[in-house]
Amino acid sequence: MRAAVDASPLIYLTKIGRLDVLDQYEEILVPPEVLSEIDRGLAAGHPEALEVRRLVEKGRLRVRAARKPRAEWNLDPGEAAVLALARRAKVDEVITDDRAAIGVAKYIGLRPVSVPFLLLRERRAGRLSQRDFEAALRRLLGTGYYLSPELHARLIAAGRE
């Protein structure tokens, strides 16, 4: 399976120590605009950007430019570039946590997935125990990631199925 990834999932996965969930993909594409966002984070004192840079250096994240995103999407440059790249490269999924980008992705026929659902997939595949899954969700919430209480409860229950 192939994916295109946005900056925020990379940052959140790094913060919770779960970049390994990206191993479910054979190939992960990232546009230069996303790396620029991450580099700005490093300059602002966010060391998790170094982990993302290491993935690029190891070839785990492949930097690929996309065509110019469509203005009517009305998204930030990083999200727009990820969607444009995903369309051009015909990836299986777009990894993003941005609500507007998720909506546009669905509208243009892409399959978006966010960090909590990557974690749930790992749980369902048996690569995360229920305990580790719940701990990862707690750490995610501790970073400032927003999940409604209802969605959080549904994720926990889905992990037990």
C-alpha atoms as a PDB file:
ATOM      1  CA  MET A   1       0.000   0.000   0.000  1.00  0.00           C
ATOM      2  CA  ARG A   2       1.195   3.522  -0.820  1.00  0.00           C
ATOM      3  CA  ALA A   3       0.417   6.806   0.927  1.00  0.00           C
ATOM      4  CA  ALA A   4       1.058  10.528   0.769  1.00  0.00           C
ATOM      5  CA  VAL A   5       1.534  12.158   4.163  1.00  0.00           C
ATOM      6  CA  ASP A   6       0.952  15.601   5.615  1.00  0.00           C
ATOM      7  CA  ALA A   7       3.098  17.305   8.265  1.00  0.00           C
ATOM      8  CA  SER A   8       0.824  17.026  11.282  1.00  0.00           C
ATOM      9  CA  PRO A   9       0.553  13.208  11.305  1.00  0.00           C
ATOM     10  CA  LEU A  10       4.341  12.967  11.073  1.00  0.00           C
ATOM     11  CA  ILE A  11       4.727  15.378  13.977  1.00  0.00           C
ATOM     12  CA  TYR A  12       2.092  13.707  16.148  1.00  0.00           C
ATOM     13  CA  LEU A  13       3.431  10.215  15.479  1.00  0.00           C
ATOM     14  CA  THR A  14       6.910  11.410  16.400  1.00  0.00           C
ATOM     15  CA  LYS A  15       5.674  13.066  19.590  1.00  0.00           C
ATOM     16  CA  ILE A  16       3.974   9.862  20.758  1.00  0.00           C
ATOM     17  CA  GLY A  17       6.875   7.649  19.688  1.00  0.00           C
ATOM     18  CA  ARG A  18       4.858   5.710  17.108  1.00  0.00           C
ATOM     19  CA  LEU A  19       6.421   6.466  13.728  1.00  0.00           C
ATOM     20  CA  ASP A  20       6.522   2.692  13.386  1.00  0.00           C
ATOM     21  CA  VAL A  21       2.830   2.688  12.388  1.00  0.00           C
ATOM     22  CA  LEU A  22       3.988   3.979   9.018  1.00  0.00           C
ATOM     23  CA  ASP A  23       5.504   0.535   8.431  1.00  0.00           C
ATOM     24  CA  GLN A  24       2.076  -0.579   7.185  1.00  0.00           C
ATOM     25  CA  TYR A  25       2.923   1.268   3.947  1.00  0.00           C
ATOM     26  CA  GLU A  26       5.322   0.055   1.289  1.00  0.00           C
ATOM     27  CA  GLU A  27       5.939   3.585   0.059  1.00  0.00           C
ATOM     28  CA  ILE A  28       5.256   6.964   1.673  1.00  0.00           C
ATOM     29  CA  LEU A  29       5.405  10.119  -0.401  1.00  0.00           C
ATOM     30  CA  VAL A  30       5.828  13.611   0.987  1.00  0.00           C
ATOM     31  CA  PRO A  31       5.789  16.873  -0.971  1.00  0.00           C
ATOM     32  CA  PRO A  32       8.541  19.488  -0.442  1.00  0.00           C
ATOM     33  CA  GLU A  33       5.952  21.877   1.037  1.00  0.00           C
ATOM     34  CA  VAL A  34       5.417  19.473   3.939  1.00  0.00           C
ATOM     35  CA  LEU A  35       9.147  19.207   4.591  1.00  0.00           C
ATOM     36  CA  SER A  36       9.330  22.994   4.607  1.00  0.00           C
ATOM     37  CA  GLU A  37       6.644  23.059   7.316  1.00  0.00           C
ATOM     38  CA  ILE A  38       8.604  20.525   9.325  1.00  0.00           C
ATOM     39  CA  ASP A  39      11.856  22.465   8.888  1.00  0.00           C
ATOM     40  CA  ARG A  40      10.115  25.601  10.160  1.00  0.00           C
ATOM     41  CA  GLY A  41       9.104  23.581  13.210  1.00  0.00           C
ATOM     42  CA  LEU A  42      12.708  22.580  13.794  1.00  0.00           C
ATOM     43  CA  ALA A  43      13.775  26.219  13.561  1.00  0.00           C
ATOM     44  CA  ALA A  44      11.077  27.059  16.116  1.00  0.00           C
ATOM     45  CA  GLY A  45      12.532  24.545  18.573  1.00  0.00           C
ATOM     46  CA  HIS A  46      10.524  21.383  17.843  1.00  0.00           C
ATOM     47  CA  PRO A  47      13.070  18.531  17.870  1.00  0.00           C
ATOM     48  CA  GLU A  48      10.603  15.951  16.494  1.00  0.00           C
ATOM     49  CA  ALA A  49      11.388  17.424  13.085  1.00  0.00           C
ATOM     50  CA  LEU A  50      14.787  15.692  13.267  1.00  0.00           C
ATOM     51  CA  GLU A  51      13.081  12.273  13.336  1.00  0.00           C
ATOM     52  CA  VAL A  52      11.129  13.136  10.217  1.00  0.00           C
ATOM     53  CA  ARG A  53      14.310  14.303   8.495  1.00  0.00           C
ATOM     54  CA  ARG A  54      15.934  10.958   9.393  1.00  0.00           C
ATOM     55  CA  LEU A  55      13.090   9.135   7.623  1.00  0.00           C
ATOM     56  CA  VAL A  56      13.794  11.194   4.512  1.00  0.00           C
ATOM     57  CA  GLU A  57      17.543  10.495   4.738  1.00  0.00           C
ATOM     58  CA  LYS A  58      16.873   6.745   5.110  1.00  0.00           C
ATOM     59  CA  GLY A  59      14.595   6.832   2.069  1.00  0.00           C
ATOM     60  CA  ARG A  60      11.557   5.794   4.099  1.00  0.00           C
ATOM     61  CA  LEU A  61       9.821   9.056   3.150  1.00  0.00           C
ATOM     62  CA  ARG A  62      10.206   9.854  -0.523  1.00  0.00           C
ATOM     63  CA  VAL A  63      10.114  13.502  -1.442  1.00  0.00           C
ATOM     64  CA  ARG A  64       8.153  14.092  -4.598  1.00  0.00           C
ATOM     65  CA  ALA A  65       6.814  17.312  -6.035  1.00  0.00           C
ATOM     66  CA  ALA A  66       3.217  17.567  -7.133  1.00  0.00           C
ATOM     67  CA  ARG A  67       1.514  19.669  -9.713  1.00  0.00           C
ATOM     68  CA  LYS A  68       0.144  23.002  -8.590  1.00  0.00           C
ATOM     69  CA  PRO A  69      -2.769  22.383  -6.190  1.00  0.00           C
ATOM     70  CA  ARG A  70      -6.214  23.621  -7.123  1.00  0.00           C
ATOM     71  CA  ALA A  71      -7.007  27.023  -5.608  1.00  0.00           C
ATOM     72  CA  GLU A  72     -10.659  26.131  -5.039  1.00  0.00           C
ATOM     73  CA  TRP A  73      -9.598  23.558  -2.463  1.00  0.00           C
ATOM     74  CA  ASN A  74      -8.846  26.516  -0.176  1.00  0.00           C
ATOM     75  CA  LEU A  75      -6.320  24.580   1.916  1.00  0.00           C
ATOM     76  CA  ASP A  76      -2.994  25.467   3.473  1.00  0.00           C
ATOM     77  CA  PRO A  77      -0.039  24.889   1.125  1.00  0.00           C
ATOM     78  CA  GLY A  78       1.080  21.660   2.820  1.00  0.00           C
ATOM     79  CA  GLU A  79      -2.347  20.011   2.785  1.00  0.00           C
ATOM     80  CA  ALA A  80      -3.022  21.153  -0.777  1.00  0.00           C
ATOM     81  CA  ALA A  81       0.338  19.793  -1.949  1.00  0.00           C
ATOM     82  CA  VAL A  82      -0.310  16.432  -0.263  1.00  0.00           C
ATOM     83  CA  LEU A  83      -3.659  16.075  -2.012  1.00  0.00           C
ATOM     84  CA  ALA A  84      -2.224  17.131  -5.367  1.00  0.00           C
ATOM     85  CA  LEU A  85       0.601  14.619  -4.948  1.00  0.00           C
ATOM     86  CA  ALA A  86      -1.804  11.880  -3.881  1.00  0.00           C
ATOM     87  CA  ARG A  87      -3.905  12.421  -7.004  1.00  0.00           C
ATOM     88  CA  ARG A  88      -0.912  12.519  -9.314  1.00  0.00           C
ATOM     89  CA  ALA A  89       0.812   9.481  -7.785  1.00  0.00           C
ATOM     90  CA  LYS A  90      -2.440   7.515  -7.378  1.00  0.00           C
ATOM     91  CA  VAL A  91      -1.672   6.505  -3.804  1.00  0.00           C
ATOM     92  CA  ASP A  92      -3.961   4.264  -1.775  1.00  0.00           C
ATOM     93  CA  GLU A  93      -4.340   6.658   1.155  1.00  0.00           C
ATOM     94  CA  VAL A  94      -3.695  10.234   2.224  1.00  0.00           C
ATOM     95  CA  ILE A  95      -2.495  10.551   5.815  1.00  0.00           C
ATOM     96  CA  THR A  96      -3.813  13.825   7.210  1.00  0.00           C
ATOM     97  CA  ASP A  97      -5.409  15.110  10.384  1.00  0.00           C
ATOM     98  CA  ASP A  98      -6.716  18.343   8.902  1.00  0.00           C
ATOM     99  CA  ARG A  99     -10.521  18.300   8.832  1.00  0.00           C
ATOM    100  CA  ALA A 100     -10.765  20.471   5.693  1.00  0.00           C
ATOM    101  CA  ALA A 101      -8.176  18.344   3.868  1.00  0.00           C
ATOM    102  CA  ILE A 102     -10.077  15.184   4.841  1.00  0.00           C
ATOM    103  CA  GLY A 103     -13.250  16.660   3.339  1.00  0.00           C
ATOM    104  CA  VAL A 104     -11.547  17.691   0.109  1.00  0.00           C
ATOM    105  CA  ALA A 105      -9.783  14.326  -0.148  1.00  0.00           C
ATOM    106  CA  LYS A 106     -13.092  12.491   0.059  1.00  0.00           C
ATOM    107  CA  TYR A 107     -14.669  14.882  -2.436  1.00  0.00           C
ATOM    108  CA  ILE A 108     -11.947  14.281  -5.042  1.00  0.00           C
ATOM    109  CA  GLY A 109     -12.017  10.513  -4.563  1.00  0.00           C
ATOM    110  CA  LEU A 110      -9.034   9.986  -2.276  1.00  0.00           C
ATOM    111  CA  ARG A 111      -9.040   7.858   0.871  1.00  0.00           C
ATOM    112  CA  PRO A 112      -7.935   9.901   3.909  1.00  0.00           C
ATOM    113  CA  VAL A 113      -6.808   8.358   7.184  1.00  0.00           C
ATOM    114  CA  SER A 114      -5.839  10.146  10.400  1.00  0.00           C
ATOM    115  CA  VAL A 115      -3.476   9.201  13.214  1.00  0.00           C
ATOM    116  CA  PRO A 116      -6.061   7.607  15.553  1.00  0.00           C
ATOM    117  CA  PHE A 117      -7.239   5.342  12.757  1.00  0.00           C
ATOM    118  CA  LEU A 118      -3.662   4.371  11.846  1.00  0.00           C
ATOM    119  CA  LEU A 119      -3.273   3.331  15.476  1.00  0.00           C
ATOM    120  CA  LEU A 120      -6.567   1.419  15.375  1.00  0.00           C
ATOM    121  CA  ARG A 121      -5.440  -0.417  12.244  1.00  0.00           C
ATOM    122  CA  GLU A 122      -2.254  -1.442  14.063  1.00  0.00           C
ATOM    123  CA  ARG A 123      -4.374  -2.672  16.976  1.00  0.00           C
ATOM    124  CA  ARG A 124      -6.691  -4.678  14.732  1.00  0.00           C
ATOM    125  CA  ALA A 125      -3.701  -6.213  12.942  1.00  0.00           C
ATOM    126  CA  GLY A 126      -2.347  -7.379  16.301  1.00  0.00           C
ATOM    127  CA  ARG A 127       0.738  -5.205  16.135  1.00  0.00           C
ATOM    128  CA  LEU A 128      -0.438  -3.184  19.161  1.00  0.00           C
ATOM    129  CA  SER A 129      -1.933  -4.590  22.323  1.00  0.00           C
ATOM    130  CA  GLN A 130      -5.111  -2.969  23.622  1.00  0.00           C
ATOM    131  CA  ARG A 131      -3.069  -1.535  26.475  1.00  0.00           C
ATOM    132  CA  ASP A 132      -0.496  -0.007  24.092  1.00  0.00           C
ATOM    133  CA  PHE A 133      -3.271   1.257  21.808  1.00  0.00           C
ATOM    134  CA  GLU A 134      -5.012   3.047  24.672  1.00  0.00           C
ATOM    135  CA  ALA A 135      -1.676   4.423  25.909  1.00  0.00           C
ATOM    136  CA  ALA A 136      -0.893   5.766  22.433  1.00  0.00           C
ATOM    137  CA  LEU A 137      -4.293   7.486  22.306  1.00  0.00           C
ATOM    138  CA  ARG A 138      -3.668   9.023  25.749  1.00  0.00           C
ATOM    139  CA  ARG A 139      -0.261  10.301  24.641  1.00  0.00           C
ATOM    140  CA  LEU A 140      -1.839  11.666  21.466  1.00  0.00           C
ATOM    141  CA  LEU A 141      -4.424  13.583  23.478  1.00  0.00           C
ATOM    142  CA  GLY A 142      -1.621  14.786  25.747  1.00  0.00           C
ATOM    143  CA  THR A 143       0.075  16.450  22.770  1.00  0.00           C
ATOM    144  CA  GLY A 144      -2.970  18.618  22.164  1.00  0.00           C
ATOM    145  CA  TYR A 145      -4.577  16.405  19.524  1.00  0.00           C
ATOM    146  CA  TYR A 146      -8.346  16.777  19.679  1.00  0.00           C
ATOM    147  CA  LEU A 147     -10.694  13.804  19.755  1.00  0.00           C
ATOM    148  CA  SER A 148     -14.271  14.213  20.892  1.00  0.00           C
ATOM    149  CA  PRO A 149     -15.064  12.098  23.952  1.00  0.00           C
ATOM    150  CA  GLU A 150     -17.510  10.087  21.823  1.00  0.00           C
ATOM    151  CA  LEU A 151     -14.931   9.294  19.141  1.00  0.00           C
ATOM    152  CA  HIS A 152     -12.345   8.449  21.782  1.00  0.00           C
ATOM    153  CA  ALA A 153     -14.775   5.987  23.400  1.00  0.00           C
ATOM    154  CA  ARG A 154     -15.653   4.467  20.001  1.00  0.00           C
ATOM    155  CA  LEU A 155     -11.955   4.018  19.175  1.00  0.00           C
ATOM    156  CA  ILE A 156     -11.307   2.270  22.503  1.00  0.00           C
ATOM    157  CA  ALA A 157     -14.305  -0.008  21.949  1.00  0.00           C
ATOM    158  CA  ALA A 158     -13.248  -0.741  18.356  1.00  0.00           C
ATOM    159  CA  GLY A 159      -9.814  -1.738  19.611  1.00  0.00           C
ATOM    160  CA  ARG A 160     -11.434  -4.354  21.857  1.00  0.00           C
ATOM    161  CA  GLU A 161     -13.389  -5.974  18.994  1.00  0.00           C
END
